[in-house]
């Protein structure tokens, strides 16, 4: 995920940063009051979960971010609907990132040869 649109695009960073920025835009206090959980952990909380690394801290809140992009999109859609926030949520994944992920274990020379074949 490189770009997410909630009325105005949120660009850059990794999927977790973009997801947390979207939640911040929706209002972390309001989102926390929904009591939603992700992987059994509160989606938004004032307290970190000790030993759980997939949390981002923003404005005194801890946001759990470990989920697929599809799940992040579904969660944002549910939050926007529940909180009655008009939003068009669209995820754009940059193909280059996907190619690098697929070939992340391949030596650089072989990676370049494969990219030329695409």
N, C-alpha and C. Protein backbone atom coordinates (compact mmCIF):
# COMPACT_ATOMS: atom_id res chain seq x y z
N UNK A 1 0.87 -1.17 0.00
CA UNK A 1 0.00 0.00 0.00
C UNK A 1 0.91 1.22 0.00
N UNK A 2 0.74 2.09 -0.97
CA UNK A 2 1.54 3.31 -1.05
C UNK A 2 0.68 4.55 -1.01
N UNK A 3 -0.59 4.39 -1.28
CA UNK A 3 -1.48 5.55 -1.26
C UNK A 3 -2.86 5.09 -0.84
N UNK A 4 -3.50 5.87 -0.02
CA UNK A 4 -4.84 5.58 0.43
C UNK A 4 -5.65 6.85 0.31
N UNK A 5 -6.86 6.76 -0.20
CA UNK A 5 -7.70 7.94 -0.33
C UNK A 5 -8.85 7.89 0.65
N UNK A 6 -8.96 8.86 1.50
CA UNK A 6 -10.14 9.08 2.33
C UNK A 6 -10.48 10.54 2.11
N UNK A 7 -11.26 10.76 1.06
CA UNK A 7 -11.62 12.09 0.59
C UNK A 7 -10.40 12.82 0.02
N UNK A 8 -9.32 12.95 0.76
CA UNK A 8 -8.07 13.49 0.25
C UNK A 8 -7.02 12.39 0.38
N UNK A 9 -6.19 12.20 -0.63
CA UNK A 9 -5.22 11.10 -0.59
C UNK A 9 -4.24 11.22 0.58
N UNK A 10 -3.86 10.07 1.10
CA UNK A 10 -2.78 9.95 2.07
C UNK A 10 -1.69 9.20 1.33
N UNK A 11 -0.58 9.86 1.08
CA UNK A 11 0.48 9.28 0.26
C UNK A 11 1.70 8.91 1.08
N UNK A 12 2.47 7.94 0.54
CA UNK A 12 3.80 7.64 1.05
C UNK A 12 3.83 6.76 2.27
N UNK A 13 5.03 6.35 2.60
CA UNK A 13 5.23 5.48 3.75
C UNK A 13 4.79 4.06 3.47
N UNK A 14 4.89 3.24 4.48
CA UNK A 14 4.46 1.86 4.31
C UNK A 14 2.98 1.74 4.68
N UNK A 15 2.43 0.56 4.52
CA UNK A 15 1.01 0.35 4.74
C UNK A 15 0.59 0.70 6.16
N UNK A 16 1.41 0.35 7.15
CA UNK A 16 1.09 0.63 8.55
C UNK A 16 1.00 2.14 8.80
N UNK A 17 1.93 2.89 8.24
CA UNK A 17 1.93 4.35 8.44
C UNK A 17 0.72 5.00 7.78
N UNK A 18 0.38 4.53 6.60
CA UNK A 18 -0.78 5.08 5.89
C UNK A 18 -2.08 4.74 6.63
N UNK A 19 -2.18 3.50 7.10
CA UNK A 19 -3.34 3.05 7.87
C UNK A 19 -3.51 3.89 9.13
N UNK A 20 -2.42 4.10 9.85
CA UNK A 20 -2.50 4.88 11.09
C UNK A 20 -2.84 6.34 10.79
N UNK A 21 -2.35 6.88 9.68
CA UNK A 21 -2.70 8.26 9.30
C UNK A 21 -4.19 8.36 8.97
N UNK A 22 -4.74 7.34 8.33
CA UNK A 22 -6.17 7.33 8.01
C UNK A 22 -7.00 7.30 9.28
N UNK A 23 -6.61 6.47 10.24
CA UNK A 23 -7.33 6.41 11.51
C UNK A 23 -7.23 7.73 12.26
N UNK A 24 -6.07 8.35 12.20
CA UNK A 24 -5.89 9.65 12.85
C UNK A 24 -6.81 10.69 12.21
N UNK A 25 -6.93 10.64 10.90
CA UNK A 25 -7.80 11.57 10.19
C UNK A 25 -9.26 11.37 10.60
N UNK A 26 -9.64 10.11 10.89
CA UNK A 26 -11.01 9.81 11.31
C UNK A 26 -11.27 10.19 12.77
N UNK A 27 -10.20 10.34 13.53
CA UNK A 27 -10.35 10.69 14.94
C UNK A 27 -10.05 9.50 15.84
N UNK A 28 -8.85 9.46 16.41
CA UNK A 28 -8.44 8.30 17.21
C UNK A 28 -9.33 8.07 18.42
N UNK A 29 -9.77 9.13 19.05
CA UNK A 29 -10.66 8.97 20.22
C UNK A 29 -11.95 8.29 19.80
N UNK A 30 -12.54 8.77 18.72
CA UNK A 30 -13.81 8.19 18.23
C UNK A 30 -13.62 6.73 17.80
N UNK A 31 -12.51 6.45 17.11
CA UNK A 31 -12.24 5.09 16.67
C UNK A 31 -12.05 4.17 17.87
N UNK A 32 -11.34 4.65 18.89
CA UNK A 32 -11.10 3.81 20.07
C UNK A 32 -12.41 3.44 20.77
N UNK A 33 -13.38 4.34 20.75
CA UNK A 33 -14.66 4.09 21.40
C UNK A 33 -15.47 2.99 20.73
N UNK A 34 -15.09 2.61 19.51
CA UNK A 34 -15.78 1.52 18.82
C UNK A 34 -15.39 0.15 19.39
N UNK A 35 -14.25 0.11 20.09
CA UNK A 35 -13.81 -1.15 20.71
C UNK A 35 -13.36 -2.21 19.72
N UNK A 36 -12.95 -1.80 18.54
CA UNK A 36 -12.53 -2.77 17.53
C UNK A 36 -11.18 -3.38 17.90
N UNK A 37 -11.00 -4.64 17.48
CA UNK A 37 -9.77 -5.36 17.78
C UNK A 37 -9.18 -5.89 16.48
N UNK A 38 -7.88 -6.02 16.49
CA UNK A 38 -7.14 -6.56 15.35
C UNK A 38 -6.17 -7.58 15.91
N UNK A 39 -6.26 -8.80 15.46
CA UNK A 39 -5.43 -9.90 15.99
C UNK A 39 -5.63 -10.04 17.50
N UNK A 40 -6.83 -9.77 18.00
CA UNK A 40 -7.13 -9.89 19.41
C UNK A 40 -6.64 -8.73 20.27
N UNK A 41 -6.09 -7.71 19.64
CA UNK A 41 -5.52 -6.56 20.34
C UNK A 41 -6.34 -5.33 19.98
N UNK A 42 -6.57 -4.43 20.93
CA UNK A 42 -7.35 -3.23 20.59
C UNK A 42 -6.74 -2.50 19.39
N UNK A 43 -7.60 -2.10 18.47
CA UNK A 43 -7.14 -1.38 17.29
C UNK A 43 -6.50 -0.06 17.70
N UNK A 44 -7.16 0.68 18.57
CA UNK A 44 -6.64 1.96 19.05
C UNK A 44 -6.78 1.98 20.57
N UNK A 45 -5.67 2.29 21.25
CA UNK A 45 -5.68 2.29 22.71
C UNK A 45 -4.70 3.33 23.24
N UNK A 46 -4.93 3.76 24.46
CA UNK A 46 -3.99 4.68 25.11
C UNK A 46 -2.77 3.94 25.65
N UNK A 47 -2.85 2.62 25.70
CA UNK A 47 -1.77 1.83 26.30
C UNK A 47 -1.20 0.83 25.29
N UNK A 48 0.13 0.73 25.20
CA UNK A 48 0.73 -0.23 24.28
C UNK A 48 0.55 -1.66 24.80
N UNK A 49 0.59 -2.60 23.90
CA UNK A 49 0.59 -4.00 24.28
C UNK A 49 2.05 -4.42 24.37
N UNK A 50 2.47 -4.81 25.55
CA UNK A 50 3.87 -5.17 25.78
C UNK A 50 4.22 -6.41 24.95
N UNK A 51 5.32 -6.32 24.23
CA UNK A 51 5.80 -7.44 23.43
C UNK A 51 5.18 -7.54 22.05
N UNK A 52 4.26 -6.67 21.72
CA UNK A 52 3.63 -6.69 20.40
C UNK A 52 4.22 -5.55 19.58
N UNK A 53 4.90 -5.88 18.51
CA UNK A 53 5.66 -4.88 17.77
C UNK A 53 4.87 -4.13 16.72
N UNK A 54 3.73 -4.63 16.32
CA UNK A 54 2.99 -4.00 15.23
C UNK A 54 2.03 -2.93 15.72
N UNK A 55 2.57 -1.97 16.46
CA UNK A 55 1.79 -0.83 16.91
C UNK A 55 2.56 0.44 16.57
N UNK A 56 1.83 1.46 16.18
CA UNK A 56 2.41 2.76 15.89
C UNK A 56 1.84 3.74 16.91
N UNK A 57 2.69 4.58 17.44
CA UNK A 57 2.23 5.59 18.40
C UNK A 57 1.97 6.90 17.66
N UNK A 58 0.80 7.47 17.89
CA UNK A 58 0.41 8.75 17.30
C UNK A 58 -0.41 9.53 18.31
N UNK A 59 0.02 10.71 18.60
CA UNK A 59 -0.74 11.63 19.45
C UNK A 59 -1.18 11.00 20.77
N UNK A 60 -0.32 10.20 21.38
CA UNK A 60 -0.64 9.58 22.66
C UNK A 60 -1.49 8.32 22.55
N UNK A 61 -1.75 7.87 21.34
CA UNK A 61 -2.52 6.65 21.10
C UNK A 61 -1.61 5.59 20.50
N UNK A 62 -1.97 4.32 20.69
CA UNK A 62 -1.25 3.20 20.08
C UNK A 62 -2.19 2.52 19.10
N UNK A 63 -1.73 2.41 17.87
CA UNK A 63 -2.56 1.87 16.79
C UNK A 63 -1.97 0.53 16.36
N UNK A 64 -2.79 -0.51 16.42
CA UNK A 64 -2.36 -1.84 15.98
C UNK A 64 -2.47 -1.89 14.47
N UNK A 65 -1.41 -2.34 13.82
CA UNK A 65 -1.36 -2.23 12.36
C UNK A 65 -1.16 -3.55 11.62
N UNK A 66 -1.00 -4.65 12.32
CA UNK A 66 -0.69 -5.91 11.63
C UNK A 66 -1.95 -6.52 11.01
N UNK A 67 -2.11 -6.32 9.71
CA UNK A 67 -3.24 -6.87 8.94
C UNK A 67 -2.90 -6.74 7.46
N UNK A 68 -3.58 -7.52 6.65
CA UNK A 68 -3.38 -7.40 5.20
C UNK A 68 -3.97 -6.07 4.73
N UNK A 69 -3.55 -5.64 3.56
CA UNK A 69 -4.10 -4.39 3.01
C UNK A 69 -5.60 -4.50 2.80
N UNK A 70 -6.06 -5.68 2.39
CA UNK A 70 -7.49 -5.89 2.19
C UNK A 70 -8.24 -5.74 3.51
N UNK A 71 -7.69 -6.32 4.58
CA UNK A 71 -8.33 -6.19 5.89
C UNK A 71 -8.30 -4.75 6.38
N UNK A 72 -7.20 -4.05 6.12
CA UNK A 72 -7.12 -2.63 6.51
C UNK A 72 -8.22 -1.84 5.80
N UNK A 73 -8.40 -2.09 4.52
CA UNK A 73 -9.42 -1.38 3.75
C UNK A 73 -10.81 -1.67 4.31
N UNK A 74 -11.10 -2.96 4.57
CA UNK A 74 -12.41 -3.33 5.12
C UNK A 74 -12.65 -2.65 6.48
N UNK A 75 -11.60 -2.63 7.30
CA UNK A 75 -11.74 -2.03 8.62
C UNK A 75 -12.02 -0.52 8.50
N UNK A 76 -11.29 0.14 7.60
CA UNK A 76 -11.51 1.58 7.40
C UNK A 76 -12.92 1.85 6.87
N UNK A 77 -13.40 0.99 5.98
CA UNK A 77 -14.76 1.16 5.46
C UNK A 77 -15.79 0.99 6.58
N UNK A 78 -15.58 -0.01 7.43
CA UNK A 78 -16.51 -0.24 8.54
C UNK A 78 -16.49 0.94 9.52
N UNK A 79 -15.31 1.45 9.82
CA UNK A 79 -15.18 2.58 10.74
C UNK A 79 -15.87 3.80 10.16
N UNK A 80 -15.61 4.09 8.88
CA UNK A 80 -16.21 5.28 8.27
C UNK A 80 -17.73 5.17 8.23
N UNK A 81 -18.24 3.96 7.98
CA UNK A 81 -19.69 3.76 7.97
C UNK A 81 -20.27 3.92 9.38
N UNK A 82 -19.64 3.30 10.37
CA UNK A 82 -20.13 3.36 11.74
C UNK A 82 -20.11 4.78 12.29
N UNK A 83 -19.03 5.50 12.01
CA UNK A 83 -18.89 6.88 12.50
C UNK A 83 -19.56 7.90 11.59
N UNK A 84 -20.18 7.41 10.52
CA UNK A 84 -20.85 8.25 9.53
C UNK A 84 -19.91 9.32 8.98
N UNK A 85 -18.72 8.87 8.59
CA UNK A 85 -17.74 9.73 7.95
C UNK A 85 -17.79 9.41 6.46
N UNK A 86 -18.28 10.34 5.64
CA UNK A 86 -18.30 10.06 4.20
C UNK A 86 -16.87 9.85 3.71
N UNK A 87 -16.62 8.69 3.14
CA UNK A 87 -15.26 8.40 2.70
C UNK A 87 -15.27 7.46 1.51
N UNK A 88 -14.37 7.72 0.61
CA UNK A 88 -14.09 6.81 -0.49
C UNK A 88 -12.71 6.24 -0.20
N UNK A 89 -12.66 4.97 0.13
CA UNK A 89 -11.40 4.35 0.51
C UNK A 89 -10.91 3.49 -0.63
N UNK A 90 -9.76 3.84 -1.12
CA UNK A 90 -9.17 3.17 -2.28
C UNK A 90 -7.71 2.91 -1.97
N UNK A 91 -7.27 1.71 -2.26
CA UNK A 91 -5.87 1.36 -2.02
C UNK A 91 -5.18 1.22 -3.37
N UNK A 92 -4.05 1.86 -3.48
CA UNK A 92 -3.24 1.74 -4.69
C UNK A 92 -1.91 1.11 -4.29
N UNK A 93 -1.62 -0.03 -4.88
CA UNK A 93 -0.36 -0.70 -4.61
C UNK A 93 0.54 -0.50 -5.81
N UNK A 94 1.75 -0.07 -5.54
CA UNK A 94 2.70 0.16 -6.62
C UNK A 94 3.31 -1.18 -7.04
N UNK A 95 3.24 -1.48 -8.33
CA UNK A 95 3.69 -2.76 -8.83
C UNK A 95 5.16 -3.02 -8.52
N UNK A 96 5.98 -2.01 -8.58
CA UNK A 96 7.41 -2.20 -8.32
C UNK A 96 7.64 -2.81 -6.95
N UNK A 97 6.89 -2.38 -5.97
CA UNK A 97 7.02 -2.92 -4.62
C UNK A 97 6.67 -4.41 -4.63
N UNK A 98 5.63 -4.78 -5.35
CA UNK A 98 5.24 -6.18 -5.42
C UNK A 98 6.32 -7.01 -6.11
N UNK A 99 6.89 -6.47 -7.17
CA UNK A 99 7.96 -7.18 -7.88
C UNK A 99 9.15 -7.39 -6.95
N UNK A 100 9.50 -6.36 -6.21
CA UNK A 100 10.63 -6.50 -5.28
C UNK A 100 10.32 -7.53 -4.21
N UNK A 101 9.09 -7.59 -3.74
CA UNK A 101 8.73 -8.58 -2.73
C UNK A 101 8.85 -9.99 -3.29
N UNK A 102 8.37 -10.18 -4.50
CA UNK A 102 8.43 -11.50 -5.12
C UNK A 102 9.87 -11.96 -5.29
N UNK A 103 10.72 -11.04 -5.65
CA UNK A 103 12.11 -11.41 -5.93
C UNK A 103 13.07 -11.06 -4.80
N UNK A 104 12.54 -10.84 -3.61
CA UNK A 104 13.40 -10.38 -2.53
C UNK A 104 14.50 -11.37 -2.16
N UNK A 105 14.30 -12.64 -2.44
CA UNK A 105 15.30 -13.64 -2.09
C UNK A 105 16.22 -13.96 -3.27
N UNK A 106 16.06 -13.29 -4.37
CA UNK A 106 16.84 -13.56 -5.58
C UNK A 106 18.05 -12.63 -5.63
N UNK A 107 19.17 -13.15 -6.10
CA UNK A 107 20.36 -12.30 -6.25
C UNK A 107 20.06 -11.15 -7.18
N UNK A 108 20.76 -10.03 -7.02
CA UNK A 108 20.50 -8.82 -7.78
C UNK A 108 20.59 -9.06 -9.28
N UNK A 109 21.61 -9.75 -9.74
CA UNK A 109 21.77 -10.02 -11.18
C UNK A 109 20.58 -10.76 -11.75
N UNK A 110 20.13 -11.79 -11.05
CA UNK A 110 18.99 -12.55 -11.52
C UNK A 110 17.72 -11.71 -11.47
N UNK A 111 17.60 -10.87 -10.47
CA UNK A 111 16.46 -9.97 -10.38
C UNK A 111 16.41 -9.04 -11.59
N UNK A 112 17.53 -8.45 -11.95
CA UNK A 112 17.56 -7.56 -13.09
C UNK A 112 17.21 -8.29 -14.39
N UNK A 113 17.71 -9.51 -14.56
CA UNK A 113 17.37 -10.29 -15.75
C UNK A 113 15.87 -10.54 -15.82
N UNK A 114 15.27 -10.90 -14.70
CA UNK A 114 13.83 -11.17 -14.67
C UNK A 114 13.02 -9.90 -14.94
N UNK A 115 13.45 -8.78 -14.42
CA UNK A 115 12.74 -7.53 -14.65
C UNK A 115 12.77 -7.14 -16.13
N UNK A 116 13.89 -7.40 -16.78
CA UNK A 116 13.98 -7.09 -18.22
C UNK A 116 13.03 -7.93 -19.04
N UNK A 117 12.68 -9.13 -18.53
CA UNK A 117 11.79 -10.03 -19.26
C UNK A 117 10.32 -9.62 -19.14
N UNK A 118 10.01 -8.76 -18.17
CA UNK A 118 8.60 -8.37 -17.94
C UNK A 118 8.07 -7.48 -19.02
